[in-house]
Amino acid sequence: MRNRLGILMALILLVAIVTPATAANSQRGGFMGFIAGCCFGIRAGAAYNDGKDLHWREWCRLIPYAGIVFAVWDGIDGANGVTTADLAARYGAMYY
C-alpha cells in the first residue's frame, strides 16, 4: 500500500511539474486543469481553462460514496431539463 501511495504521489508531482500552463488565462491549465479534466471530465476541464470556476457540486464528486449522491442529483437536474443558461442564472456566469 505504501508503494502504491508513493508512486501515486510521484506521478502527481511529475504531472504538476511537466504540464504546461497553456490556457486562455495564465492562471488556468497546469495541475488544476489536469485535475478538472481528469476528475470531472473533458467539459469541466475545458470550462476551467476558459476561465470558469468549478462549482461546489463538482468538487463533491471527489468524496467517496458522497460523489454518487451528487451524480444522482446532477442526473435529476438533467432529467428535469435544467440547461446551462438556467444554472448561469441561478449561480452566476462565473460557473456556467
C-alpha atoms as a PDB file:
ATOM      1  CA  MET A   1       0.000   0.000   0.000  1.00  0.00           C
ATOM      2  CA  ARG A   2       2.826   2.401   0.810  1.00  0.00           C
ATOM      3  CA  ASN A   3       4.465   1.685  -2.530  1.00  0.00           C
ATOM      4  CA  ARG A   4       1.288   2.487  -4.422  1.00  0.00           C
ATOM      5  CA  LEU A   5       0.769   5.693  -2.459  1.00  0.00           C
ATOM      6  CA  GLY A   6       4.370   6.721  -3.096  1.00  0.00           C
ATOM      7  CA  ILE A   7       4.044   6.030  -6.814  1.00  0.00           C
ATOM      8  CA  LEU A   8       0.773   7.982  -6.960  1.00  0.00           C
ATOM      9  CA  MET A   9       2.324  10.974  -5.190  1.00  0.00           C
ATOM     10  CA  ALA A  10       5.335  10.857  -7.530  1.00  0.00           C
ATOM     11  CA  LEU A  11       3.052  10.800 -10.586  1.00  0.00           C
ATOM     12  CA  ILE A  12       1.037  13.754  -9.295  1.00  0.00           C
ATOM     13  CA  LEU A  13       4.244  15.693  -8.677  1.00  0.00           C
ATOM     14  CA  LEU A  14       5.520  14.818 -12.150  1.00  0.00           C
ATOM     15  CA  VAL A  15       2.281  15.949 -13.789  1.00  0.00           C
ATOM     16  CA  ALA A  16       2.338  19.194 -11.785  1.00  0.00           C
ATOM     17  CA  ILE A  17       5.865  19.936 -12.974  1.00  0.00           C
ATOM     18  CA  VAL A  18       5.568  18.798 -16.596  1.00  0.00           C
ATOM     19  CA  THR A  19       2.096  20.050 -17.515  1.00  0.00           C
ATOM     20  CA  PRO A  20       2.457  23.460 -19.164  1.00  0.00           C
ATOM     21  CA  ALA A  21       0.034  26.244 -18.336  1.00  0.00           C
ATOM     22  CA  THR A  22      -1.130  26.988 -21.869  1.00  0.00           C
ATOM     23  CA  ALA A  23      -4.652  28.207 -21.335  1.00  0.00           C
ATOM     24  CA  ALA A  24      -6.702  31.289 -22.079  1.00  0.00           C
ATOM     25  CA  ASN A  25      -5.765  32.775 -18.720  1.00  0.00           C
ATOM     26  CA  SER A  26      -2.236  32.426 -17.371  1.00  0.00           C
ATOM     27  CA  GLN A  27      -3.662  31.079 -14.101  1.00  0.00           C
ATOM     28  CA  ARG A  28      -5.501  28.266 -15.885  1.00  0.00           C
ATOM     29  CA  GLY A  29      -4.259  24.927 -17.110  1.00  0.00           C
ATOM     30  CA  GLY A  30      -1.397  23.186 -15.355  1.00  0.00           C
ATOM     31  CA  PHE A  31      -2.106  20.867 -12.457  1.00  0.00           C
ATOM     32  CA  MET A  32      -5.569  22.258 -11.704  1.00  0.00           C
ATOM     33  CA  GLY A  33      -6.525  21.914 -15.354  1.00  0.00           C
ATOM     34  CA  PHE A  34      -5.374  18.298 -15.157  1.00  0.00           C
ATOM     35  CA  ILE A  35      -7.456  17.667 -12.020  1.00  0.00           C
ATOM     36  CA  ALA A  36     -10.516  19.313 -13.587  1.00  0.00           C
ATOM     37  CA  GLY A  37     -10.248  17.253 -16.759  1.00  0.00           C
ATOM     38  CA  CYS A  38      -9.312  14.001 -15.033  1.00  0.00           C
ATOM     39  CA  CYS A  39     -11.817  14.038 -12.198  1.00  0.00           C
ATOM     40  CA  PHE A  40     -14.728  15.955 -13.699  1.00  0.00           C
ATOM     41  CA  GLY A  41     -14.465  15.187 -17.426  1.00  0.00           C
ATOM     42  CA  ILE A  42     -13.309  16.968 -20.537  1.00  0.00           C
ATOM     43  CA  ARG A  43     -16.162  19.508 -20.421  1.00  0.00           C
ATOM     44  CA  ALA A  44     -15.206  20.665 -16.924  1.00  0.00           C
ATOM     45  CA  GLY A  45     -11.517  20.781 -17.874  1.00  0.00           C
ATOM     46  CA  ALA A  46     -12.239  22.900 -20.940  1.00  0.00           C
ATOM     47  CA  ALA A  47     -14.551  25.199 -18.978  1.00  0.00           C
ATOM     48  CA  TYR A  48     -11.869  25.608 -16.299  1.00  0.00           C
ATOM     49  CA  ASN A  49      -9.314  26.565 -18.938  1.00  0.00           C
ATOM     50  CA  ASP A  50     -11.777  29.051 -20.449  1.00  0.00           C
ATOM     51  CA  GLY A  51     -11.865  30.891 -17.127  1.00  0.00           C
ATOM     52  CA  LYS A  52     -14.855  29.280 -15.432  1.00  0.00           C
ATOM     53  CA  ASP A  53     -14.649  28.165 -11.796  1.00  0.00           C
ATOM     54  CA  LEU A  54     -15.610  24.689 -10.651  1.00  0.00           C
ATOM     55  CA  HIS A  55     -18.916  24.615  -8.813  1.00  0.00           C
ATOM     56  CA  TRP A  56     -19.040  23.124  -5.310  1.00  0.00           C
ATOM     57  CA  ARG A  57     -21.199  20.263  -6.570  1.00  0.00           C
ATOM     58  CA  GLU A  58     -18.400  19.208  -8.897  1.00  0.00           C
ATOM     59  CA  TRP A  59     -15.870  19.128  -6.054  1.00  0.00           C
ATOM     60  CA  CYS A  60     -18.188  16.895  -4.017  1.00  0.00           C
ATOM     61  CA  ARG A  61     -17.723  14.128  -6.581  1.00  0.00           C
ATOM     62  CA  LEU A  62     -14.244  13.534  -5.191  1.00  0.00           C
ATOM     63  CA  ILE A  63     -15.670  12.378  -1.835  1.00  0.00           C
ATOM     64  CA  PRO A  64     -16.087   8.589  -1.811  1.00  0.00           C
ATOM     65  CA  TYR A  65     -19.740   7.453  -1.746  1.00  0.00           C
ATOM     66  CA  ALA A  66     -20.986  11.048  -1.491  1.00  0.00           C
ATOM     67  CA  GLY A  67     -19.969  11.529  -5.116  1.00  0.00           C
ATOM     68  CA  ILE A  68     -22.679   9.057  -6.109  1.00  0.00           C
ATOM     69  CA  VAL A  69     -25.294  11.198  -4.372  1.00  0.00           C
ATOM     70  CA  PHE A  70     -24.172  14.310  -6.225  1.00  0.00           C
ATOM     71  CA  ALA A  71     -24.029  12.402  -9.511  1.00  0.00           C
ATOM     72  CA  VAL A  72     -27.649  11.346  -8.991  1.00  0.00           C
ATOM     73  CA  TRP A  73     -28.527  14.942  -8.054  1.00  0.00           C
ATOM     74  CA  ASP A  74     -26.957  16.150 -11.316  1.00  0.00           C
ATOM     75  CA  GLY A  75     -28.810  13.409 -13.178  1.00  0.00           C
ATOM     76  CA  ILE A  76     -32.127  14.522 -11.708  1.00  0.00           C
ATOM     77  CA  ASP A  77     -31.392  18.126 -12.717  1.00  0.00           C
ATOM     78  CA  GLY A  78     -30.586  16.902 -16.217  1.00  0.00           C
ATOM     79  CA  ALA A  79     -33.763  14.853 -16.370  1.00  0.00           C
ATOM     80  CA  ASN A  80     -35.755  17.910 -15.317  1.00  0.00           C
ATOM     81  CA  GLY A  81     -34.385  19.826 -18.299  1.00  0.00           C
ATOM     82  CA  VAL A  82     -32.016  22.183 -16.474  1.00  0.00           C
ATOM     83  CA  THR A  83     -29.834  23.949 -19.028  1.00  0.00           C
ATOM     84  CA  THR A  84     -26.552  25.821 -18.772  1.00  0.00           C
ATOM     85  CA  ALA A  85     -28.474  29.095 -19.045  1.00  0.00           C
ATOM     86  CA  ASP A  86     -30.624  28.094 -16.049  1.00  0.00           C
ATOM     87  CA  LEU A  87     -27.532  27.279 -13.996  1.00  0.00           C
ATOM     88  CA  ALA A  88     -25.869  30.549 -15.034  1.00  0.00           C
ATOM     89  CA  ALA A  89     -28.947  32.469 -13.919  1.00  0.00           C
ATOM     90  CA  ARG A  90     -29.045  30.571 -10.614  1.00  0.00           C
ATOM     91  CA  TYR A  91     -25.343  30.513  -9.694  1.00  0.00           C
ATOM     92  CA  GLY A  92     -23.793  33.190 -11.877  1.00  0.00           C
ATOM     93  CA  ALA A  93     -21.895  33.250 -15.132  1.00  0.00           C
ATOM     94  CA  MET A  94     -18.586  32.611 -13.372  1.00  0.00           C
ATOM     95  CA  TYR A  95     -19.508  28.925 -13.090  1.00  0.00           C
ATOM     96  CA  TYR A  96     -21.545  28.236 -16.247  1.00  0.00           C
END
